[in-house]
PDB file of N, CA and C in Angstrom:
ATOM      1  N   GLY A   1      23.271  17.853  -7.500  1.00  0.00           N
ATOM      2  CA  GLY A   1      23.644  17.354  -6.191  1.00  0.00           C
ATOM      3  C   GLY A   1      25.031  16.739  -6.197  1.00  0.00           C
ATOM      4  N   ASP A   2      25.500  16.434  -5.055  1.00  0.00           N
ATOM      5  CA  ASP A   2      26.805  15.806  -4.839  1.00  0.00           C
ATOM      6  C   ASP A   2      26.766  14.371  -5.362  1.00  0.00           C
ATOM      7  N   GLU A   3      27.685  14.024  -6.253  1.00  0.00           N
ATOM      8  CA  GLU A   3      27.716  12.676  -6.836  1.00  0.00           C
ATOM      9  C   GLU A   3      27.882  11.590  -5.778  1.00  0.00           C
ATOM     10  N   ARG A   4      28.444  11.944  -4.620  1.00  0.00           N
ATOM     11  CA  ARG A   4      28.702  10.948  -3.573  1.00  0.00           C
ATOM     12  C   ARG A   4      27.491  10.709  -2.683  1.00  0.00           C
ATOM     13  N   VAL A   5      26.470  11.540  -2.819  1.00  0.00           N
ATOM     14  CA  VAL A   5      25.310  11.442  -1.928  1.00  0.00           C
ATOM     15  C   VAL A   5      24.092  10.947  -2.705  1.00  0.00           C
ATOM     16  N   TRP A   6      23.510   9.883  -2.206  1.00  0.00           N
ATOM     17  CA  TRP A   6      22.284   9.319  -2.776  1.00  0.00           C
ATOM     18  C   TRP A   6      21.275   9.145  -1.659  1.00  0.00           C
ATOM     19  N   PHE A   7      20.002   9.336  -1.978  1.00  0.00           N
ATOM     20  CA  PHE A   7      18.910   9.057  -1.055  1.00  0.00           C
ATOM     21  C   PHE A   7      18.174   7.836  -1.595  1.00  0.00           C
ATOM     22  N   ALA A   8      18.033   6.808  -0.767  1.00  0.00           N
ATOM     23  CA  ALA A   8      17.356   5.584  -1.203  1.00  0.00           C
ATOM     24  C   ALA A   8      16.210   5.279  -0.253  1.00  0.00           C
ATOM     25  N   GLN A   9      15.121   4.808  -0.825  1.00  0.00           N
ATOM     26  CA  GLN A   9      13.942   4.453  -0.038  1.00  0.00           C
ATOM     27  C   GLN A   9      13.345   3.164  -0.566  1.00  0.00           C
ATOM     28  N   LEU A  10      12.645   2.500   0.320  1.00  0.00           N
ATOM     29  CA  LEU A  10      11.899   1.310  -0.054  1.00  0.00           C
ATOM     30  C   LEU A  10      10.835   1.707  -1.076  1.00  0.00           C
ATOM     31  N   TYR A  11      10.733   0.954  -2.153  1.00  0.00           N
ATOM     32  CA  TYR A  11       9.761   1.232  -3.207  1.00  0.00           C
ATOM     33  C   TYR A  11       8.352   1.340  -2.617  1.00  0.00           C
ATOM     34  N   GLY A  12       7.648   2.411  -2.965  1.00  0.00           N
ATOM     35  CA  GLY A  12       6.291   2.623  -2.488  1.00  0.00           C
ATOM     36  C   GLY A  12       6.198   3.413  -1.200  1.00  0.00           C
ATOM     37  N   MET A  13       7.322   3.726  -0.585  1.00  0.00           N
ATOM     38  CA  MET A  13       7.311   4.475   0.670  1.00  0.00           C
ATOM     39  C   MET A  13       7.717   5.927   0.402  1.00  0.00           C
ATOM     40  N   SER A  14       6.892   6.837   0.820  1.00  0.00           N
ATOM     41  CA  SER A  14       7.196   8.272   0.755  1.00  0.00           C
ATOM     42  C   SER A  14       7.692   8.715  -0.618  1.00  0.00           C
ATOM     43  N   ASP A  15       6.971   8.317  -1.646  1.00  0.00           N
ATOM     44  CA  ASP A  15       7.366   8.697  -3.001  1.00  0.00           C
ATOM     45  C   ASP A  15       7.461  10.208  -3.162  1.00  0.00           C
ATOM     46  N   ASN A  16       6.610  10.941  -2.456  1.00  0.00           N
ATOM     47  CA  ASN A  16       6.649  12.400  -2.580  1.00  0.00           C
ATOM     48  C   ASN A  16       8.013  12.951  -2.170  1.00  0.00           C
ATOM     49  N   LEU A  17       8.650  12.346  -1.177  1.00  0.00           N
ATOM     50  CA  LEU A  17       9.984  12.798  -0.769  1.00  0.00           C
ATOM     51  C   LEU A  17      11.009  12.516  -1.865  1.00  0.00           C
ATOM     52  N   SER A  18      10.948  11.320  -2.420  1.00  0.00           N
ATOM     53  CA  SER A  18      11.889  10.955  -3.491  1.00  0.00           C
ATOM     54  C   SER A  18      11.734  11.879  -4.691  1.00  0.00           C
ATOM     55  N   TYR A  19      10.495  12.121  -5.090  1.00  0.00           N
ATOM     56  CA  TYR A  19      10.252  12.959  -6.264  1.00  0.00           C
ATOM     57  C   TYR A  19      10.738  14.388  -6.031  1.00  0.00           C
ATOM     58  N   ASN A  20      10.490  14.920  -4.844  1.00  0.00           N
ATOM     59  CA  ASN A  20      10.934  16.283  -4.544  1.00  0.00           C
ATOM     60  C   ASN A  20      12.454  16.376  -4.475  1.00  0.00           C
ATOM     61  N   LEU A  21      13.106  15.372  -3.892  1.00  0.00           N
ATOM     62  CA  LEU A  21      14.571  15.362  -3.854  1.00  0.00           C
ATOM     63  C   LEU A  21      15.142  15.290  -5.270  1.00  0.00           C
ATOM     64  N   ALA A  22      14.576  14.409  -6.093  1.00  0.00           N
ATOM     65  CA  ALA A  22      15.050  14.271  -7.473  1.00  0.00           C
ATOM     66  C   ALA A  22      14.827  15.573  -8.246  1.00  0.00           C
ATOM     67  N   HIS A  23      13.677  16.183  -8.046  1.00  0.00           N
ATOM     68  CA  HIS A  23      13.365  17.444  -8.724  1.00  0.00           C
ATOM     69  C   HIS A  23      14.348  18.541  -8.315  1.00  0.00           C
ATOM     70  N   ALA A  24      14.825  18.477  -7.066  1.00  0.00           N
ATOM     71  CA  ALA A  24      15.785  19.467  -6.565  1.00  0.00           C
ATOM     72  C   ALA A  24      17.219  19.147  -6.994  1.00  0.00           C
ATOM     73  N   GLY A  25      17.397  18.062  -7.768  1.00  0.00           N
ATOM     74  CA  GLY A  25      18.719  17.748  -8.289  1.00  0.00           C
ATOM     75  C   GLY A  25      19.504  16.708  -7.515  1.00  0.00           C
ATOM     76  N   TYR A  26      18.907  16.131  -6.493  1.00  0.00           N
ATOM     77  CA  TYR A  26      19.595  15.093  -5.723  1.00  0.00           C
ATOM     78  C   TYR A  26      19.410  13.736  -6.392  1.00  0.00           C
ATOM     79  N   HIS A  27      20.369  12.853  -6.162  1.00  0.00           N
ATOM     80  CA  HIS A  27      20.275  11.490  -6.679  1.00  0.00           C
ATOM     81  C   HIS A  27      19.365  10.684  -5.762  1.00  0.00           C
ATOM     82  N   THR A  28      18.417   9.996  -6.343  1.00  0.00           N
ATOM     83  CA  THR A  28      17.495   9.177  -5.555  1.00  0.00           C
ATOM     84  C   THR A  28      17.408   7.780  -6.157  1.00  0.00           C
ATOM     85  N   ALA A  29      17.054   6.835  -5.318  1.00  0.00           N
ATOM     86  CA  ALA A  29      16.872   5.451  -5.768  1.00  0.00           C
ATOM     87  C   ALA A  29      15.776   4.818  -4.931  1.00  0.00           C
ATOM     88  N   LYS A  30      15.087   3.879  -5.531  1.00  0.00           N
ATOM     89  CA  LYS A  30      14.099   3.063  -4.822  1.00  0.00           C
ATOM     90  C   LYS A  30      14.627   1.640  -4.836  1.00  0.00           C
ATOM     91  N   TYR A  31      14.401   0.912  -3.752  1.00  0.00           N
ATOM     92  CA  TYR A  31      14.841  -0.476  -3.741  1.00  0.00           C
ATOM     93  C   TYR A  31      13.676  -1.395  -3.433  1.00  0.00           C
ATOM     94  N   VAL A  32      13.788  -2.609  -3.924  1.00  0.00           N
ATOM     95  CA  VAL A  32      12.748  -3.623  -3.756  1.00  0.00           C
ATOM     96  C   VAL A  32      13.394  -4.857  -3.135  1.00  0.00           C
ATOM     97  N   PRO A  33      12.989  -5.225  -1.923  1.00  0.00           N
ATOM     98  CA  PRO A  33      13.504  -6.471  -1.341  1.00  0.00           C
ATOM     99  C   PRO A  33      13.073  -7.653  -2.204  1.00  0.00           C
ATOM    100  N   TYR A  34      13.974  -8.582  -2.381  1.00  0.00           N
ATOM    101  CA  TYR A  34      13.696  -9.722  -3.247  1.00  0.00           C
ATOM    102  C   TYR A  34      14.132 -10.997  -2.537  1.00  0.00           C
ATOM    103  N   GLY A  35      13.305 -12.011  -2.629  1.00  0.00           N
ATOM    104  CA  GLY A  35      13.660 -13.299  -2.057  1.00  0.00           C
ATOM    105  C   GLY A  35      12.425 -14.061  -1.650  1.00  0.00           C
ATOM    106  N   PRO A  36      12.625 -15.175  -0.956  1.00  0.00           N
ATOM    107  CA  PRO A  36      11.484 -15.964  -0.495  1.00  0.00           C
ATOM    108  C   PRO A  36      10.616 -15.139   0.462  1.00  0.00           C
ATOM    109  N   VAL A  37       9.313 -15.334   0.386  1.00  0.00           N
ATOM    110  CA  VAL A  37       8.378 -14.571   1.220  1.00  0.00           C
ATOM    111  C   VAL A  37       8.765 -14.668   2.693  1.00  0.00           C
ATOM    112  N   GLY A  38       9.150 -15.848   3.140  1.00  0.00           N
ATOM    113  CA  GLY A  38       9.526 -16.031   4.540  1.00  0.00           C
ATOM    114  C   GLY A  38      10.714 -15.191   4.964  1.00  0.00           C
ATOM    115  N   ALA A  39      11.578 -14.862   4.017  1.00  0.00           N
ATOM    116  CA  ALA A  39      12.741 -14.027   4.317  1.00  0.00           C
ATOM    117  C   ALA A  39      12.433 -12.545   4.157  1.00  0.00           C
ATOM    118  N   VAL A  40      11.586 -12.205   3.203  1.00  0.00           N
ATOM    119  CA  VAL A  40      11.302 -10.802   2.892  1.00  0.00           C
ATOM    120  C   VAL A  40      10.279 -10.187   3.846  1.00  0.00           C
ATOM    121  N   MET A  41       9.243 -10.946   4.223  1.00  0.00           N
ATOM    122  CA  MET A  41       8.168 -10.381   5.053  1.00  0.00           C
ATOM    123  C   MET A  41       8.660  -9.839   6.394  1.00  0.00           C
ATOM    124  N   PRO A  42       9.524 -10.540   7.134  1.00  0.00           N
ATOM    125  CA  PRO A  42       9.995  -9.957   8.399  1.00  0.00           C
ATOM    126  C   PRO A  42      10.677  -8.605   8.193  1.00  0.00           C
ATOM    127  N   TYR A  43      11.440  -8.488   7.122  1.00  0.00           N
ATOM    128  CA  TYR A  43      12.100  -7.223   6.810  1.00  0.00           C
ATOM    129  C   TYR A  43      11.069  -6.130   6.545  1.00  0.00           C
ATOM    130  N   LEU A  44      10.077  -6.440   5.711  1.00  0.00           N
ATOM    131  CA  LEU A  44       9.045  -5.452   5.394  1.00  0.00           C
ATOM    132  C   LEU A  44       8.226  -5.077   6.623  1.00  0.00           C
ATOM    133  N   LEU A  45       7.941  -6.032   7.480  1.00  0.00           N
ATOM    134  CA  LEU A  45       7.201  -5.748   8.715  1.00  0.00           C
ATOM    135  C   LEU A  45       7.999  -4.807   9.613  1.00  0.00           C
ATOM    136  N   ARG A  46       9.308  -5.030   9.702  1.00  0.00           N
ATOM    137  CA  ARG A  46      10.150  -4.125  10.508  1.00  0.00           C
ATOM    138  C   ARG A  46      10.133  -2.723   9.927  1.00  0.00           C
ATOM    139  N   ARG A  47      10.261  -2.607   8.611  1.00  0.00           N
ATOM    140  CA  ARG A  47      10.252  -1.281   7.985  1.00  0.00           C
ATOM    141  C   ARG A  47       8.913  -0.582   8.227  1.00  0.00           C
ATOM    142  N   ALA A  48       7.817  -1.308   8.100  1.00  0.00           N
ATOM    143  CA  ALA A  48       6.495  -0.710   8.315  1.00  0.00           C
ATOM    144  C   ALA A  48       6.328  -0.272   9.762  1.00  0.00           C
ATOM    145  N   ASN A  49       6.803  -1.087  10.700  1.00  0.00           N
ATOM    146  CA  ASN A  49       6.698  -0.724  12.117  1.00  0.00           C
ATOM    147  C   ASN A  49       7.571   0.474  12.452  1.00  0.00           C
ATOM    148  N   GLU A  50       8.725   0.581  11.821  1.00  0.00           N
ATOM    149  CA  GLU A  50       9.637   1.700  12.080  1.00  0.00           C
ATOM    150  C   GLU A  50       9.150   2.995  11.451  1.00  0.00           C
ATOM    151  N   ASN A  51       8.426   2.895  10.372  1.00  0.00           N
ATOM    152  CA  ASN A  51       8.034   4.078   9.618  1.00  0.00           C
ATOM    153  C   ASN A  51       6.663   4.573  10.054  1.00  0.00           C
ATOM    154  N   THR A  52       6.603   5.149  11.221  1.00  0.00           N
ATOM    155  CA  THR A  52       5.321   5.645  11.729  1.00  0.00           C
ATOM    156  C   THR A  52       4.830   6.854  10.937  1.00  0.00           C
ATOM    157  N   ALA A  53       5.701   7.439  10.132  1.00  0.00           N
ATOM    158  CA  ALA A  53       5.289   8.584   9.321  1.00  0.00           C
ATOM    159  C   ALA A  53       4.274   8.186   8.257  1.00  0.00           C
ATOM    160  N   ILE A  54       4.165   6.897   7.976  1.00  0.00           N
ATOM    161  CA  ILE A  54       3.187   6.439   6.982  1.00  0.00           C
ATOM    162  C   ILE A  54       1.790   6.911   7.372  1.00  0.00           C
ATOM    163  N   ALA A  55       1.504   6.919   8.660  1.00  0.00           N
ATOM    164  CA  ALA A  55       0.159   7.245   9.146  1.00  0.00           C
ATOM    165  C   ALA A  55      -0.299   8.618   8.683  1.00  0.00           C
ATOM    166  N   GLY A  56       0.613   9.570   8.603  1.00  0.00           N
ATOM    167  CA  GLY A  56       0.235  10.913   8.210  1.00  0.00           C
ATOM    168  C   GLY A  56       0.008  11.076   6.717  1.00  0.00           C
ATOM    169  N   GLN A  57       0.465  10.141   5.921  1.00  0.00           N
ATOM    170  CA  GLN A  57       0.372  10.283   4.470  1.00  0.00           C
ATOM    171  C   GLN A  57      -1.012   9.951   3.945  1.00  0.00           C
ATOM    172  N   SER A  58      -1.592   8.909   4.442  1.00  0.00           N
ATOM    173  CA  SER A  58      -2.913   8.517   3.970  1.00  0.00           C
ATOM    174  C   SER A  58      -3.518   7.569   4.986  1.00  0.00           C
ATOM    175  N   SER A  59      -4.425   8.078   5.795  1.00  0.00           N
ATOM    176  CA  SER A  59      -4.969   7.256   6.876  1.00  0.00           C
ATOM    177  C   SER A  59      -5.691   6.025   6.341  1.00  0.00           C
ATOM    178  N   ARG A  60      -6.396   6.148   5.235  1.00  0.00           N
ATOM    179  CA  ARG A  60      -7.100   4.986   4.680  1.00  0.00           C
ATOM    180  C   ARG A  60      -6.105   3.931   4.217  1.00  0.00           C
ATOM    181  N   GLU A  61      -5.089   4.357   3.488  1.00  0.00           N
ATOM    182  CA  GLU A  61      -4.073   3.421   3.012  1.00  0.00           C
ATOM    183  C   GLU A  61      -3.352   2.766   4.191  1.00  0.00           C
ATOM    184  N   PHE A  62      -3.049   3.556   5.207  1.00  0.00           N
ATOM    185  CA  PHE A  62      -2.371   3.027   6.389  1.00  0.00           C
ATOM    186  C   PHE A  62      -3.221   1.956   7.071  1.00  0.00           C
ATOM    187  N   LEU A  63      -4.517   2.191   7.189  1.00  0.00           N
ATOM    188  CA  LEU A  63      -5.396   1.194   7.805  1.00  0.00           C
ATOM    189  C   LEU A  63      -5.425  -0.094   6.988  1.00  0.00           C
ATOM    190  N   LEU A  64      -5.439   0.035   5.678  1.00  0.00           N
ATOM    191  CA  LEU A  64      -5.417  -1.154   4.822  1.00  0.00           C
ATOM    192  C   LEU A  64      -4.099  -1.914   4.968  1.00  0.00           C
ATOM    193  N   ILE A  65      -3.002  -1.184   5.063  1.00  0.00           N
ATOM    194  CA  ILE A  65      -1.695  -1.821   5.253  1.00  0.00           C
ATOM    195  C   ILE A  65      -1.657  -2.553   6.586  1.00  0.00           C
ATOM    196  N   GLN A  66      -2.135  -1.896   7.643  1.00  0.00           N
ATOM    197  CA  GLN A  66      -2.164  -2.538   8.961  1.00  0.00           C
ATOM    198  C   GLN A  66      -3.005  -3.809   8.930  1.00  0.00           C
ATOM    199  N   LYS A  67      -4.155  -3.737   8.284  1.00  0.00           N
ATOM    200  CA  LYS A  67      -5.044  -4.899   8.200  1.00  0.00           C
ATOM    201  C   LYS A  67      -4.345  -6.057   7.493  1.00  0.00           C
ATOM    202  N   GLU A  68      -3.677  -5.757   6.392  1.00  0.00           N
ATOM    203  CA  GLU A  68      -2.979  -6.798   5.636  1.00  0.00           C
ATOM    204  C   GLU A  68      -1.809  -7.374   6.435  1.00  0.00           C
ATOM    205  N   LEU A  69      -1.078  -6.524   7.140  1.00  0.00           N
ATOM    206  CA  LEU A  69       0.032  -7.020   7.961  1.00  0.00           C
ATOM    207  C   LEU A  69      -0.472  -7.944   9.060  1.00  0.00           C
ATOM    208  N   ARG A  70      -1.577  -7.578   9.698  1.00  0.00           N
ATOM    209  CA  ARG A  70      -2.159  -8.443  10.739  1.00  0.00           C
ATOM    210  C   ARG A  70      -2.605  -9.772  10.140  1.00  0.00           C
ATOM    211  N   ARG A  71      -3.197  -9.710   8.951  1.00  0.00           N
ATOM    212  CA  ARG A  71      -3.638 -10.939   8.287  1.00  0.00           C
ATOM    213  C   ARG A  71      -2.439 -11.851   8.019  1.00  0.00           C
ATOM    214  N   ARG A  72      -1.361 -11.266   7.534  1.00  0.00           N
ATOM    215  CA  ARG A  72      -0.176 -12.065   7.204  1.00  0.00           C
ATOM    216  C   ARG A  72       0.529 -12.588   8.450  1.00  0.00           C
ATOM    217  N   GLN A  73       0.375 -11.896   9.563  1.00  0.00           N
ATOM    218  CA  GLN A  73       0.978 -12.347  10.816  1.00  0.00           C
ATOM    219  C   GLN A  73       0.069 -13.331  11.543  1.00  0.00           C
ATOM    220  N   GLY A  74      -1.124 -13.556  11.010  1.00  0.00           N
ATOM    221  CA  GLY A  74      -2.056 -14.497  11.616  1.00  0.00           C
ATOM    222  C   GLY A  74      -2.766 -13.967  12.841  1.00  0.00           C
ATOM    223  N   ARG A  75      -2.911 -12.646  12.920  1.00  0.00           N
ATOM    224  CA  ARG A  75      -3.607 -12.035  14.065  1.00  0.00           C
ATOM    225  C   ARG A  75      -5.025 -11.703  13.717  1.00  0.00           C
TER     226      ARG A  75
END
């Protein structure tokens, strides 16, 4: 792949895409948000809300994620 092009994803999200891109010769990276829970959770909640494609990957896992997010939001 082109040395100037990298694909980066949040760790644990759409690993199948990262693995397939890497297998095809593209540069890939996973990132992990780090910091106080109060600072990191809003970011992770936004990413989860934006990534509606999660639902198609594993409905059971998605339901568990939704349940945990609601618990953490106090709903």
